[in-house]
Amino acid sequence: MLENRDRRAAVLRIGALFGLAGIGALGDLGLVADALAAAPRKSAAPELLTPAELQLTGVLADLVIPRTDTPGALDVGAHRTVDHLLAVCAEAPARAEFRAGLARVDAVARVGGSGGAKGFTALPAARQVALLQALDSGAAPFGPQDQAFFRQLKGYVAFAYYTSEAGASQELAYLPVPGGFKGDIPVTRATHAWAI
């Protein structure tokens, strides 16, 4: 099993490769940036999800990016940002698919026994991790649609975490102008402009 630090590094790489592709389903990235700027405070009521769905999203986010020597996804309110992004940027079918994925995870946990009627959030940590490993690989009792939901969730969590202040400044190194500013560069007719 990966150490928490290694898992976080793997999630960052995966998020860098696929996270923004998943966010594409949310629509215009400018809209996403505006939505993040207006993201709710930690004490605010959920915007789209029910309180139980928000709690489950928080537990899942915490398992995806746990607290180590830096804050985890739950510490920065990634689950609330996911709720906000879904409410503001996602279309109705994407919202319904996300909520159905949460319901499926909770239903499997209830059938599994050790969580009883309380669902995934009441399971012992080891059982939660085992279910997420099955979910991540699409192994029984989960299928490909469940696996796709979990990949989407991980993309949302990674995006929410690494666009938070703690994720951007404590987990990652933040440099406003990478490479520094060089204002005195000779320009000739052969000088090419930079593509950004």
Protein backbone atom coordinates (compact mmCIF):
# COMPACT_ATOMS: atom_id res chain seq x y z
CA MET A 1 0.00 0.00 0.00
CA LEU A 2 1.28 3.47 -0.81
CA GLU A 3 2.46 5.74 1.96
CA ASN A 4 0.25 8.83 2.36
CA ARG A 5 2.96 11.08 0.90
CA ASP A 6 3.41 8.79 -2.13
CA ARG A 7 -0.35 8.55 -2.60
CA ARG A 8 -0.63 12.33 -2.57
CA ALA A 9 2.16 12.63 -5.15
CA ALA A 10 0.41 10.05 -7.34
CA VAL A 11 -2.91 11.90 -7.05
CA LEU A 12 -1.16 15.14 -8.03
CA ARG A 13 0.31 13.53 -11.14
CA ILE A 14 -3.01 11.93 -12.08
CA GLY A 15 -4.83 15.19 -11.41
CA ALA A 16 -2.37 17.05 -13.60
CA LEU A 17 -2.93 14.57 -16.41
CA PHE A 18 -6.65 13.91 -16.09
CA GLY A 19 -8.10 16.30 -13.55
CA LEU A 20 -8.57 19.23 -15.84
CA ALA A 21 -9.95 16.93 -18.52
CA GLY A 22 -12.63 15.86 -16.02
CA ILE A 23 -13.29 19.46 -15.15
CA GLY A 24 -13.98 20.02 -18.86
CA ALA A 25 -17.32 18.36 -18.25
CA LEU A 26 -18.09 21.27 -15.96
CA GLY A 27 -17.91 23.70 -18.85
CA ASP A 28 -15.89 26.84 -19.37
CA LEU A 29 -12.79 27.05 -17.14
CA GLY A 30 -13.46 30.76 -16.66
CA LEU A 31 -16.78 29.78 -15.14
CA VAL A 32 -14.93 27.32 -12.90
CA ALA A 33 -12.52 30.05 -11.77
CA ASP A 34 -15.45 32.36 -10.98
CA ALA A 35 -17.16 29.55 -9.08
CA LEU A 36 -14.04 28.89 -7.02
CA ALA A 37 -13.78 32.55 -6.12
CA ALA A 38 -17.33 32.41 -4.78
CA ALA A 39 -16.89 29.02 -3.05
CA PRO A 40 -18.78 28.70 0.23
CA ARG A 41 -17.24 28.96 3.66
CA LYS A 42 -16.73 25.84 5.77
CA SER A 43 -19.85 26.47 7.86
CA ALA A 44 -22.21 27.07 4.93
CA ALA A 45 -25.06 24.69 4.12
CA PRO A 46 -24.60 22.45 1.08
CA GLU A 47 -25.64 23.97 -2.23
CA LEU A 48 -26.53 20.85 -4.19
CA LEU A 49 -25.78 17.79 -2.10
CA THR A 50 -27.77 16.77 0.95
CA PRO A 51 -25.94 17.02 4.30
CA ALA A 52 -25.45 13.22 4.25
CA GLU A 53 -24.06 13.32 0.68
CA LEU A 54 -21.75 16.19 1.63
CA GLN A 55 -20.51 14.24 4.66
CA LEU A 56 -19.86 11.16 2.48
CA THR A 57 -18.04 13.33 -0.08
CA GLY A 58 -15.91 14.71 2.77
CA VAL A 59 -14.97 11.22 3.99
CA LEU A 60 -14.12 10.13 0.45
CA ALA A 61 -12.08 13.29 -0.15
CA ASP A 62 -10.19 12.70 3.10
CA LEU A 63 -9.33 9.17 1.98
CA VAL A 64 -8.17 10.41 -1.44
CA ILE A 65 -5.91 13.14 -0.02
CA PRO A 66 -5.40 12.53 3.70
CA ARG A 67 -3.68 14.85 6.15
CA THR A 68 0.08 14.30 6.39
CA ASP A 69 2.61 17.00 7.20
CA THR A 70 0.30 19.27 5.19
CA PRO A 71 -3.48 19.69 5.41
CA GLY A 72 -5.66 17.08 3.71
CA ALA A 73 -8.62 17.55 1.39
CA LEU A 74 -11.10 17.61 4.27
CA ASP A 75 -9.03 20.27 6.08
CA VAL A 76 -9.28 22.66 3.12
CA GLY A 77 -12.98 21.99 2.53
CA ALA A 78 -12.49 20.23 -0.81
CA HIS A 79 -15.84 18.48 -0.37
CA ARG A 80 -17.59 21.86 -0.11
CA THR A 81 -15.79 23.09 -3.22
CA VAL A 82 -16.89 19.95 -5.08
CA ASP A 83 -20.47 20.63 -3.96
CA HIS A 84 -20.18 24.23 -5.13
CA LEU A 85 -18.69 23.31 -8.50
CA LEU A 86 -21.42 20.75 -9.10
CA ALA A 87 -24.11 23.28 -8.14
CA VAL A 88 -22.76 26.15 -10.20
CA CYS A 89 -20.96 24.60 -13.15
CA ALA A 90 -22.25 21.08 -13.81
CA GLU A 91 -25.24 20.25 -15.94
CA ALA A 92 -28.16 18.24 -14.57
CA PRO A 93 -27.02 14.85 -15.96
CA ALA A 94 -23.53 15.24 -14.41
CA ARG A 95 -25.08 16.20 -11.09
CA ALA A 96 -27.39 13.17 -11.17
CA GLU A 97 -24.50 10.83 -12.06
CA PHE A 98 -22.40 12.16 -9.18
CA ARG A 99 -25.20 11.75 -6.68
CA ALA A 100 -25.97 8.26 -8.01
CA GLY A 101 -22.30 7.34 -7.54
CA LEU A 102 -22.41 8.49 -3.92
CA ALA A 103 -25.61 6.50 -3.36
CA ARG A 104 -24.02 3.39 -4.87
CA VAL A 105 -20.96 3.62 -2.60
CA ASP A 106 -23.19 4.04 0.43
CA ALA A 107 -25.49 1.18 -0.63
CA VAL A 108 -22.56 -1.22 -1.03
CA ALA A 109 -21.30 -0.23 2.41
CA ARG A 110 -24.74 -0.91 3.95
CA VAL A 111 -24.93 -4.36 2.35
CA GLY A 112 -21.37 -5.16 3.46
CA GLY A 113 -22.51 -5.46 7.05
CA SER A 114 -19.94 -3.75 9.25
CA GLY A 115 -21.38 -0.29 8.55
CA GLY A 116 -24.91 -1.48 9.18
CA ALA A 117 -27.67 0.95 8.40
CA LYS A 118 -25.30 3.90 8.82
CA GLY A 119 -23.43 3.37 5.55
CA PHE A 120 -19.90 4.16 4.39
CA THR A 121 -19.11 6.90 6.89
CA ALA A 122 -19.66 4.48 9.82
CA LEU A 123 -17.30 1.80 8.48
CA PRO A 124 -13.92 1.24 10.14
CA ALA A 125 -11.09 2.97 8.25
CA ALA A 126 -9.61 -0.32 7.01
CA ARG A 127 -12.97 -1.34 5.48
CA GLN A 128 -13.38 2.09 3.87
CA VAL A 129 -9.96 1.78 2.24
CA ALA A 130 -10.72 -1.77 1.06
CA LEU A 131 -13.98 -0.61 -0.55
CA LEU A 132 -12.24 2.31 -2.23
CA GLN A 133 -9.56 -0.01 -3.62
CA ALA A 134 -12.31 -2.19 -5.10
CA LEU A 135 -14.07 0.93 -6.40
CA ASP A 136 -10.85 2.25 -7.93
CA SER A 137 -10.20 -1.01 -9.78
CA GLY A 138 -13.84 -1.65 -10.68
CA ALA A 139 -13.72 -4.98 -8.80
CA ALA A 140 -16.81 -6.65 -7.32
CA PRO A 141 -19.13 -5.45 -5.92
CA PHE A 142 -18.40 -2.41 -8.09
CA GLY A 143 -18.44 -2.18 -11.87
CA PRO A 144 -17.06 0.08 -14.62
CA GLN A 145 -19.68 2.80 -14.03
CA ASP A 146 -18.73 2.94 -10.34
CA GLN A 147 -15.06 3.09 -11.29
CA ALA A 148 -15.78 6.01 -13.64
CA PHE A 149 -17.60 7.82 -10.81
CA PHE A 150 -14.61 7.37 -8.49
CA ARG A 151 -12.20 8.69 -11.12
CA GLN A 152 -14.44 11.72 -11.55
CA LEU A 153 -14.57 12.22 -7.79
CA LYS A 154 -10.77 12.01 -7.54
CA GLY A 155 -10.46 14.60 -10.31
CA TYR A 156 -12.83 16.97 -8.50
CA VAL A 157 -11.05 16.45 -5.17
CA ALA A 158 -7.59 16.97 -6.69
CA PHE A 159 -8.78 20.12 -8.47
CA ALA A 160 -10.45 21.47 -5.32
CA TYR A 161 -7.44 20.66 -3.16
CA TYR A 162 -4.69 21.99 -5.41
CA THR A 163 -6.58 25.21 -6.12
CA SER A 164 -7.01 25.86 -2.39
CA GLU A 165 -4.57 28.14 -0.60
CA ALA A 166 -3.09 25.28 1.45
CA GLY A 167 -2.85 22.95 -1.55
CA ALA A 168 -1.21 25.59 -3.72
CA SER A 169 1.16 27.01 -1.12
CA GLN A 170 1.88 24.23 1.41
CA GLU A 171 1.65 21.07 -0.70
CA LEU A 172 2.97 22.69 -3.87
CA ALA A 173 5.54 25.44 -4.30
CA TYR A 174 3.96 28.68 -5.45
CA LEU A 175 5.89 31.06 -7.64
CA PRO A 176 3.77 33.84 -9.17
CA VAL A 177 6.13 34.30 -12.13
CA PRO A 178 8.00 31.03 -12.75
CA GLY A 179 11.53 31.71 -13.91
CA GLY A 180 11.44 35.32 -12.79
CA PHE A 181 10.82 38.49 -14.74
CA LYS A 182 13.38 39.53 -17.33
CA GLY A 183 12.31 42.89 -18.69
CA ASP A 184 15.40 43.66 -20.78
CA ILE A 185 15.50 41.07 -23.55
CA PRO A 186 16.87 42.12 -26.93
CA VAL A 187 14.23 41.79 -29.63
CA THR A 188 15.07 41.43 -33.31
CA ARG A 189 13.05 40.53 -36.41
CA ALA A 190 14.06 36.87 -35.82
CA THR A 191 12.72 36.85 -32.24
CA HIS A 192 9.63 34.65 -31.87
CA ALA A 193 6.74 35.45 -29.57
CA TRP A 194 5.84 32.93 -26.85
CA ALA A 195 2.78 30.75 -27.19
CA ILE A 196 0.89 30.47 -23.92
